[in-house]
């Protein structure tokens, strides 16, 4: 079987080990009174670690997560890499299959609030005719998905993996939504599979750089736009976005 049921694991020993490591944290120096001027405030960071150590209920979070139906898919094109995904069937007369893709440094845990709204719109005052079959995969190397064991697991390859998963679930047509790296994957779903993708939606779109085939000739205005995007990323953004879409690699 390429699709198998998955139960999120919980280990009390792992939680205790984490608590011990948090206790042993070696804190960096900070200029007195600098607060957030040079990065994360040291006092704030200490508060977060104390919360994780003393208050955060890991077991309850696993139980809450387990309220959703979860599976693992082993892909031939990913050479045995297992992909974790949530799969909630819609409660409507003709639910539309919808794949939601998270970004970095996120996970499928971005989606729990919207999954019930999409799968069962009547539960929040919506119309059952607007229900979706909701599929939320974890990107390779994220969450409960396996880490890639070779290079080249880029957004192009992930988009093909998502289409393969949807076909395995019995869907020939689908809608797609994504943010951050998920926006890249969703773009490529629509770009490469217009006959299968009903529509796409984005949030948290990375600095926009259109996909260009090698050797594409640009106008003066278009080249100026791309040059300015590079300058902005060097001065105000993250260097991960300096590469054009067709050269970006997903790393986890």
C-alpha atoms as a PDB file:
ATOM      1  CA  UNK A   1       0.000   0.000   0.000  1.00  0.00           C
ATOM      2  CA  UNK A   2       1.368   3.459  -0.888  1.00  0.00           C
ATOM      3  CA  UNK A   3      -1.106   5.231   1.454  1.00  0.00           C
ATOM      4  CA  UNK A   4      -1.260   4.126   5.064  1.00  0.00           C
ATOM      5  CA  UNK A   5      -2.938   5.469   8.189  1.00  0.00           C
ATOM      6  CA  UNK A   6      -0.644   7.458  10.470  1.00  0.00           C
ATOM      7  CA  UNK A   7      -0.851   8.166  14.205  1.00  0.00           C
ATOM      8  CA  UNK A   8       1.250  10.998  15.602  1.00  0.00           C
ATOM      9  CA  UNK A   9       3.766   9.589  18.097  1.00  0.00           C
ATOM     10  CA  UNK A  10       4.254  10.798  21.670  1.00  0.00           C
ATOM     11  CA  UNK A  11       7.245  10.024  23.873  1.00  0.00           C
ATOM     12  CA  UNK A  12       7.371  11.107  27.492  1.00  0.00           C
ATOM     13  CA  UNK A  13      11.105  10.333  27.481  1.00  0.00           C
ATOM     14  CA  UNK A  14      11.644  12.730  24.560  1.00  0.00           C
ATOM     15  CA  UNK A  15       9.704  15.478  26.353  1.00  0.00           C
ATOM     16  CA  UNK A  16      11.742  15.013  29.524  1.00  0.00           C
ATOM     17  CA  UNK A  17      14.945  15.098  27.499  1.00  0.00           C
ATOM     18  CA  UNK A  18      13.852  18.404  25.934  1.00  0.00           C
ATOM     19  CA  UNK A  19      13.071  19.881  29.350  1.00  0.00           C
ATOM     20  CA  UNK A  20      16.521  18.928  30.622  1.00  0.00           C
ATOM     21  CA  UNK A  21      18.169  20.520  27.586  1.00  0.00           C
ATOM     22  CA  UNK A  22      16.145  23.716  28.064  1.00  0.00           C
ATOM     23  CA  UNK A  23      17.351  23.902  31.663  1.00  0.00           C
ATOM     24  CA  UNK A  24      20.944  23.676  30.388  1.00  0.00           C
ATOM     25  CA  UNK A  25      20.550  26.480  27.845  1.00  0.00           C
ATOM     26  CA  UNK A  26      23.664  28.657  27.594  1.00  0.00           C
ATOM     27  CA  UNK A  27      22.328  32.167  27.083  1.00  0.00           C
ATOM     28  CA  UNK A  28      24.153  34.692  24.854  1.00  0.00           C
ATOM     29  CA  UNK A  29      25.300  38.107  26.015  1.00  0.00           C
ATOM     30  CA  UNK A  30      23.170  41.175  25.373  1.00  0.00           C
ATOM     31  CA  UNK A  31      23.974  44.881  25.558  1.00  0.00           C
ATOM     32  CA  UNK A  32      22.070  46.267  28.573  1.00  0.00           C
ATOM     33  CA  UNK A  33      18.892  48.038  27.529  1.00  0.00           C
ATOM     34  CA  UNK A  34      19.158  47.008  23.847  1.00  0.00           C
ATOM     35  CA  UNK A  35      15.931  44.973  23.973  1.00  0.00           C
ATOM     36  CA  UNK A  36      15.124  44.045  20.302  1.00  0.00           C
ATOM     37  CA  UNK A  37      17.698  46.318  18.650  1.00  0.00           C
ATOM     38  CA  UNK A  38      20.111  43.503  17.706  1.00  0.00           C
ATOM     39  CA  UNK A  39      17.763  40.554  17.351  1.00  0.00           C
ATOM     40  CA  UNK A  40      15.452  38.665  19.680  1.00  0.00           C
ATOM     41  CA  UNK A  41      15.217  40.142  23.153  1.00  0.00           C
ATOM     42  CA  UNK A  42      17.055  37.895  25.619  1.00  0.00           C
ATOM     43  CA  UNK A  43      14.326  38.321  28.249  1.00  0.00           C
ATOM     44  CA  UNK A  44      11.664  37.343  25.731  1.00  0.00           C
ATOM     45  CA  UNK A  45      13.655  34.292  24.646  1.00  0.00           C
ATOM     46  CA  UNK A  46      14.003  33.177  28.258  1.00  0.00           C
ATOM     47  CA  UNK A  47      10.242  33.521  28.724  1.00  0.00           C
ATOM     48  CA  UNK A  48       9.593  31.306  25.698  1.00  0.00           C
ATOM     49  CA  UNK A  49      11.980  28.608  26.911  1.00  0.00           C
ATOM     50  CA  UNK A  50      10.457  28.695  30.397  1.00  0.00           C
ATOM     51  CA  UNK A  51       7.008  28.288  28.855  1.00  0.00           C
ATOM     52  CA  UNK A  52       8.143  25.293  26.779  1.00  0.00           C
ATOM     53  CA  UNK A  53       9.796  23.741  29.817  1.00  0.00           C
ATOM     54  CA  UNK A  54       7.098  24.309  32.438  1.00  0.00           C
ATOM     55  CA  UNK A  55       3.730  25.019  30.810  1.00  0.00           C
ATOM     56  CA  UNK A  56       3.443  23.728  27.246  1.00  0.00           C
ATOM     57  CA  UNK A  57       1.416  20.505  27.257  1.00  0.00           C
ATOM     58  CA  UNK A  58       3.004  18.353  24.561  1.00  0.00           C
ATOM     59  CA  UNK A  59       0.716  15.371  25.119  1.00  0.00           C
ATOM     60  CA  UNK A  60      -2.411  17.492  24.811  1.00  0.00           C
ATOM     61  CA  UNK A  61      -1.089  18.984  21.573  1.00  0.00           C
ATOM     62  CA  UNK A  62      -0.592  15.484  20.131  1.00  0.00           C
ATOM     63  CA  UNK A  63      -4.117  14.530  21.166  1.00  0.00           C
ATOM     64  CA  UNK A  64      -5.511  17.684  19.568  1.00  0.00           C
ATOM     65  CA  UNK A  65      -3.550  16.997  16.390  1.00  0.00           C
ATOM     66  CA  UNK A  66      -4.867  13.432  16.313  1.00  0.00           C
ATOM     67  CA  UNK A  67      -8.440  14.673  15.925  1.00  0.00           C
ATOM     68  CA  UNK A  68      -7.702  14.850  12.189  1.00  0.00           C
ATOM     69  CA  UNK A  69      -7.370  11.852   9.881  1.00  0.00           C
ATOM     70  CA  UNK A  70      -3.692  11.500   9.040  1.00  0.00           C
ATOM     71  CA  UNK A  71      -1.834   9.323   6.564  1.00  0.00           C
ATOM     72  CA  UNK A  72       1.553   8.696   5.009  1.00  0.00           C
ATOM     73  CA  UNK A  73       2.160   8.340   1.293  1.00  0.00           C
ATOM     74  CA  UNK A  74       5.252   6.666  -0.137  1.00  0.00           C
ATOM     75  CA  UNK A  75       6.049   8.109  -3.541  1.00  0.00           C
ATOM     76  CA  UNK A  76       7.816   6.277  -6.371  1.00  0.00           C
ATOM     77  CA  UNK A  77       9.027   9.577  -7.885  1.00  0.00           C
ATOM     78  CA  UNK A  78      10.497  10.617  -4.530  1.00  0.00           C
ATOM     79  CA  UNK A  79      12.416   7.323  -4.351  1.00  0.00           C
ATOM     80  CA  UNK A  80      10.770   6.040  -1.212  1.00  0.00           C
ATOM     81  CA  UNK A  81      10.452   9.327   0.676  1.00  0.00           C
ATOM     82  CA  UNK A  82       7.321   9.152   2.821  1.00  0.00           C
ATOM     83  CA  UNK A  83       4.969  12.141   2.837  1.00  0.00           C
ATOM     84  CA  UNK A  84       2.679  12.841   5.782  1.00  0.00           C
ATOM     85  CA  UNK A  85      -0.700  14.435   5.108  1.00  0.00           C
ATOM     86  CA  UNK A  86      -4.011  15.291   6.746  1.00  0.00           C
ATOM     87  CA  UNK A  87      -7.080  14.199   4.794  1.00  0.00           C
ATOM     88  CA  UNK A  88     -10.557  15.387   5.747  1.00  0.00           C
ATOM     89  CA  UNK A  89     -13.435  14.605   3.413  1.00  0.00           C
ATOM     90  CA  UNK A  90     -15.950  17.360   2.854  1.00  0.00           C
ATOM     91  CA  UNK A  91     -19.479  17.202   4.211  1.00  0.00           C
ATOM     92  CA  UNK A  92     -21.239  18.402   1.092  1.00  0.00           C
ATOM     93  CA  UNK A  93     -23.012  17.086  -2.002  1.00  0.00           C
ATOM     94  CA  UNK A  94     -20.035  17.611  -4.340  1.00  0.00           C
ATOM     95  CA  UNK A  95     -16.947  18.484  -2.328  1.00  0.00           C
ATOM     96  CA  UNK A  96     -14.088  19.996  -4.326  1.00  0.00           C
ATOM     97  CA  UNK A  97     -10.650  18.471  -3.650  1.00  0.00           C
ATOM     98  CA  UNK A  98      -8.337  21.156  -2.259  1.00  0.00           C
ATOM     99  CA  UNK A  99      -4.647  20.745  -1.438  1.00  0.00           C
ATOM    100  CA  UNK A 100      -3.168  23.237   1.042  1.00  0.00           C
ATOM    101  CA  UNK A 101       0.617  23.698   1.115  1.00  0.00           C
ATOM    102  CA  UNK A 102       2.419  25.340   4.039  1.00  0.00           C
ATOM    103  CA  UNK A 103       5.673  27.262   3.867  1.00  0.00           C
ATOM    104  CA  UNK A 104       8.936  27.665   5.758  1.00  0.00           C
ATOM    105  CA  UNK A 105       9.375  27.529   8.708  1.00  0.00           C
ATOM    106  CA  UNK A 106       5.769  26.404   9.039  1.00  0.00           C
ATOM    107  CA  UNK A 107       3.988  23.077   9.004  1.00  0.00           C
ATOM    108  CA  UNK A 108       0.575  21.498   8.537  1.00  0.00           C
ATOM    109  CA  UNK A 109      -0.221  22.856  12.016  1.00  0.00           C
ATOM    110  CA  UNK A 110      -0.907  26.217  10.360  1.00  0.00           C
ATOM    111  CA  UNK A 111      -4.159  24.742   9.059  1.00  0.00           C
ATOM    112  CA  UNK A 112      -6.236  23.205  11.927  1.00  0.00           C
ATOM    113  CA  UNK A 113      -8.559  26.210  12.242  1.00  0.00           C
ATOM    114  CA  UNK A 114      -9.404  26.374   8.545  1.00  0.00           C
ATOM    115  CA  UNK A 115      -9.668  22.624   7.853  1.00  0.00           C
ATOM    116  CA  UNK A 116     -13.077  22.197   9.574  1.00  0.00           C
ATOM    117  CA  UNK A 117     -14.376  25.399   7.987  1.00  0.00           C
ATOM    118  CA  UNK A 118     -13.463  24.146   4.525  1.00  0.00           C
ATOM    119  CA  UNK A 119     -14.543  20.529   4.995  1.00  0.00           C
ATOM    120  CA  UNK A 120     -17.728  21.328   6.912  1.00  0.00           C
ATOM    121  CA  UNK A 121     -18.784  24.920   6.130  1.00  0.00           C
ATOM    122  CA  UNK A 122     -22.188  24.360   7.732  1.00  0.00           C
ATOM    123  CA  UNK A 123     -20.426  24.053  11.099  1.00  0.00           C
ATOM    124  CA  UNK A 124     -19.505  27.740  10.929  1.00  0.00           C
ATOM    125  CA  UNK A 125     -22.669  29.055   9.280  1.00  0.00           C
ATOM    126  CA  UNK A 126     -21.666  28.362   5.682  1.00  0.00           C
ATOM    127  CA  UNK A 127     -23.320  26.478   2.840  1.00  0.00           C
ATOM    128  CA  UNK A 128     -22.738  22.713   2.476  1.00  0.00           C
ATOM    129  CA  UNK A 129     -22.467  23.282  -1.283  1.00  0.00           C
ATOM    130  CA  UNK A 130     -19.147  25.030  -0.613  1.00  0.00           C
ATOM    131  CA  UNK A 131     -17.490  22.021   1.075  1.00  0.00           C
ATOM    132  CA  UNK A 132     -14.012  20.805   0.140  1.00  0.00           C
ATOM    133  CA  UNK A 133     -12.144  17.538   0.494  1.00  0.00           C
ATOM    134  CA  UNK A 134      -9.121  18.975   2.304  1.00  0.00           C
ATOM    135  CA  UNK A 135      -5.638  17.520   1.843  1.00  0.00           C
ATOM    136  CA  UNK A 136      -2.764  19.085   3.797  1.00  0.00           C
ATOM    137  CA  UNK A 137       0.638  17.473   3.090  1.00  0.00           C
ATOM    138  CA  UNK A 138       3.848  18.184   4.978  1.00  0.00           C
ATOM    139  CA  UNK A 139       6.671  19.302   2.697  1.00  0.00           C
ATOM    140  CA  UNK A 140       9.610  16.859   2.453  1.00  0.00           C
ATOM    141  CA  UNK A 141      11.824  17.364   5.488  1.00  0.00           C
ATOM    142  CA  UNK A 142       9.045  19.042   7.488  1.00  0.00           C
ATOM    143  CA  UNK A 143       6.767  17.696  10.208  1.00  0.00           C
ATOM    144  CA  UNK A 144       6.172  13.963   9.919  1.00  0.00           C
ATOM    145  CA  UNK A 145       7.366  13.730   6.309  1.00  0.00           C
ATOM    146  CA  UNK A 146      10.708  12.061   5.632  1.00  0.00           C
ATOM    147  CA  UNK A 147      13.846  14.058   4.942  1.00  0.00           C
ATOM    148  CA  UNK A 148      15.127  13.826   1.363  1.00  0.00           C
ATOM    149  CA  UNK A 149      18.208  11.644   0.999  1.00  0.00           C
ATOM    150  CA  UNK A 150      19.380  13.301  -2.215  1.00  0.00           C
ATOM    151  CA  UNK A 151      19.605  16.770  -3.703  1.00  0.00           C
ATOM    152  CA  UNK A 152      17.104  18.193  -6.165  1.00  0.00           C
ATOM    153  CA  UNK A 153      13.932  18.055  -4.073  1.00  0.00           C
ATOM    154  CA  UNK A 154      12.850  21.474  -5.284  1.00  0.00           C
ATOM    155  CA  UNK A 155       9.409  23.024  -5.642  1.00  0.00           C
ATOM    156  CA  UNK A 156       9.066  21.651  -9.176  1.00  0.00           C
ATOM    157  CA  UNK A 157       9.522  18.115  -7.925  1.00  0.00           C
ATOM    158  CA  UNK A 158       7.235  18.676  -4.948  1.00  0.00           C
ATOM    159  CA  UNK A 159       4.469  19.936  -7.244  1.00  0.00           C
ATOM    160  CA  UNK A 160       4.711  16.707  -9.239  1.00  0.00           C
ATOM    161  CA  UNK A 161       4.654  14.738  -6.005  1.00  0.00           C
ATOM    162  CA  UNK A 162       1.465  16.530  -4.939  1.00  0.00           C
ATOM    163  CA  UNK A 163      -0.208  15.714  -8.248  1.00  0.00           C
ATOM    164  CA  UNK A 164       0.815  12.097  -7.844  1.00  0.00           C
ATOM    165  CA  UNK A 165      -0.647  12.024  -4.331  1.00  0.00           C
ATOM    166  CA  UNK A 166      -3.937  13.537  -5.508  1.00  0.00           C
ATOM    167  CA  UNK A 167      -4.179  10.976  -8.294  1.00  0.00           C
ATOM    168  CA  UNK A 168      -3.503   8.203  -5.773  1.00  0.00           C
ATOM    169  CA  UNK A 169      -6.430   9.541  -3.722  1.00  0.00           C
ATOM    170  CA  UNK A 170      -8.635   9.335  -6.799  1.00  0.00           C
ATOM    171  CA  UNK A 171      -8.749  12.996  -7.842  1.00  0.00           C
ATOM    172  CA  UNK A 172      -8.236  14.014 -11.453  1.00  0.00           C
ATOM    173  CA  UNK A 173      -9.238  17.645 -10.869  1.00  0.00           C
ATOM    174  CA  UNK A 174      -8.376  19.817  -7.865  1.00  0.00           C
ATOM    175  CA  UNK A 175      -7.923  23.279  -6.430  1.00  0.00           C
ATOM    176  CA  UNK A 176      -4.736  24.408  -4.676  1.00  0.00           C
ATOM    177  CA  UNK A 177      -3.724  26.967  -2.086  1.00  0.00           C
ATOM    178  CA  UNK A 178      -0.356  27.846  -0.583  1.00  0.00           C
ATOM    179  CA  UNK A 179       1.797  30.442   1.121  1.00  0.00           C
ATOM    180  CA  UNK A 180       5.535  31.108   1.201  1.00  0.00           C
ATOM    181  CA  UNK A 181       7.182  27.953  -0.262  1.00  0.00           C
ATOM    182  CA  UNK A 182       3.621  26.681  -0.623  1.00  0.00           C
ATOM    183  CA  UNK A 183       2.930  29.581  -2.980  1.00  0.00           C
ATOM    184  CA  UNK A 184       5.797  28.381  -5.185  1.00  0.00           C
ATOM    185  CA  UNK A 185       4.457  24.831  -5.201  1.00  0.00           C
ATOM    186  CA  UNK A 186       0.920  26.040  -5.897  1.00  0.00           C
ATOM    187  CA  UNK A 187       2.138  28.244  -8.758  1.00  0.00           C
ATOM    188  CA  UNK A 188       3.802  25.257 -10.372  1.00  0.00           C
ATOM    189  CA  UNK A 189       0.702  23.098  -9.954  1.00  0.00           C
ATOM    190  CA  UNK A 190      -1.240  25.614 -12.020  1.00  0.00           C
ATOM    191  CA  UNK A 191       1.603  26.265 -14.470  1.00  0.00           C
ATOM    192  CA  UNK A 192       2.299  22.637 -15.327  1.00  0.00           C
ATOM    193  CA  UNK A 193      -1.167  21.108 -14.913  1.00  0.00           C
ATOM    194  CA  UNK A 194      -3.750  23.634 -16.155  1.00  0.00           C
ATOM    195  CA  UNK A 195      -5.964  20.794 -17.368  1.00  0.00           C
ATOM    196  CA  UNK A 196      -6.222  19.344 -13.851  1.00  0.00           C
ATOM    197  CA  UNK A 197      -6.117  22.440 -11.629  1.00  0.00           C
ATOM    198  CA  UNK A 198      -9.450  24.228 -11.202  1.00  0.00           C
ATOM    199  CA  UNK A 199      -7.924  27.299  -9.581  1.00  0.00           C
ATOM    200  CA  UNK A 200      -5.147  28.495  -7.272  1.00  0.00           C
ATOM    201  CA  UNK A 201      -5.011  30.873  -4.286  1.00  0.00           C
ATOM    202  CA  UNK A 202      -2.017  32.368  -2.454  1.00  0.00           C
ATOM    203  CA  UNK A 203      -1.136  33.940   0.855  1.00  0.00           C
ATOM    204  CA  UNK A 204       2.306  35.126   2.002  1.00  0.00           C
ATOM    205  CA  UNK A 205       3.661  35.300  -1.533  1.00  0.00           C
ATOM    206  CA  UNK A 206       7.492  35.510  -1.631  1.00  0.00           C
ATOM    207  CA  UNK A 207       8.950  38.565  -3.435  1.00  0.00           C
ATOM    208  CA  UNK A 208       7.466  38.132  -6.871  1.00  0.00           C
ATOM    209  CA  UNK A 209       9.760  36.919  -9.646  1.00  0.00           C
ATOM    210  CA  UNK A 210       8.031  35.356 -12.639  1.00  0.00           C
ATOM    211  CA  UNK A 211       9.169  32.025 -13.991  1.00  0.00           C
ATOM    212  CA  UNK A 212      11.354  32.539 -17.060  1.00  0.00           C
ATOM    213  CA  UNK A 213      12.541  29.921 -19.497  1.00  0.00           C
ATOM    214  CA  UNK A 214      16.293  29.910 -20.103  1.00  0.00           C
ATOM    215  CA  UNK A 215      17.226  32.434 -22.783  1.00  0.00           C
ATOM    216  CA  UNK A 216      14.115  34.596 -22.370  1.00  0.00           C
ATOM    217  CA  UNK A 217      14.748  38.136 -23.636  1.00  0.00           C
ATOM    218  CA  UNK A 218      13.523  40.877 -21.312  1.00  0.00           C
ATOM    219  CA  UNK A 219      12.540  44.427 -22.043  1.00  0.00           C
ATOM    220  CA  UNK A 220      14.413  47.268 -20.357  1.00  0.00           C
ATOM    221  CA  UNK A 221      11.522  47.787 -17.921  1.00  0.00           C
ATOM    222  CA  UNK A 222      11.317  44.065 -17.064  1.00  0.00           C
ATOM    223  CA  UNK A 223      15.062  43.812 -16.449  1.00  0.00           C
ATOM    224  CA  UNK A 224      14.944  46.923 -14.260  1.00  0.00           C
ATOM    225  CA  UNK A 225      12.162  45.285 -12.216  1.00  0.00           C
ATOM    226  CA  UNK A 226      14.238  42.148 -11.598  1.00  0.00           C
ATOM    227  CA  UNK A 227      17.350  44.188 -10.790  1.00  0.00           C
ATOM    228  CA  UNK A 228      15.415  46.193  -8.226  1.00  0.00           C
ATOM    229  CA  UNK A 229      14.050  42.976  -6.698  1.00  0.00           C
ATOM    230  CA  UNK A 230      17.609  41.700  -6.222  1.00  0.00           C
ATOM    231  CA  UNK A 231      18.697  45.018  -4.667  1.00  0.00           C
ATOM    232  CA  UNK A 232      15.714  44.925  -2.280  1.00  0.00           C
ATOM    233  CA  UNK A 233      16.492  41.354  -1.176  1.00  0.00           C
ATOM    234  CA  UNK A 234      20.151  42.215  -0.562  1.00  0.00           C
ATOM    235  CA  UNK A 235      19.274  45.265   1.544  1.00  0.00           C
ATOM    236  CA  UNK A 236      15.938  44.442   3.174  1.00  0.00           C
ATOM    237  CA  UNK A 237      15.023  40.816   2.503  1.00  0.00           C
ATOM    238  CA  UNK A 238      16.356  37.282   2.801  1.00  0.00           C
ATOM    239  CA  UNK A 239      18.966  36.002   0.365  1.00  0.00           C
ATOM    240  CA  UNK A 240      16.949  32.824  -0.234  1.00  0.00           C
ATOM    241  CA  UNK A 241      14.835  34.803  -2.707  1.00  0.00           C
ATOM    242  CA  UNK A 242      17.713  35.990  -4.856  1.00  0.00           C
ATOM    243  CA  UNK A 243      17.495  32.896  -7.015  1.00  0.00           C
ATOM    244  CA  UNK A 244      14.831  32.880  -9.746  1.00  0.00           C
ATOM    245  CA  UNK A 245      11.922  30.479  -9.264  1.00  0.00           C
ATOM    246  CA  UNK A 246      13.308  27.793 -11.570  1.00  0.00           C
ATOM    247  CA  UNK A 247      16.573  27.633  -9.570  1.00  0.00           C
ATOM    248  CA  UNK A 248      15.243  27.701  -6.016  1.00  0.00           C
ATOM    249  CA  UNK A 249      15.804  24.579  -3.965  1.00  0.00           C
ATOM    250  CA  UNK A 250      13.756  23.665  -0.942  1.00  0.00           C
ATOM    251  CA  UNK A 251      15.921  23.008   2.078  1.00  0.00           C
ATOM    252  CA  UNK A 252      14.752  21.885   5.474  1.00  0.00           C
END
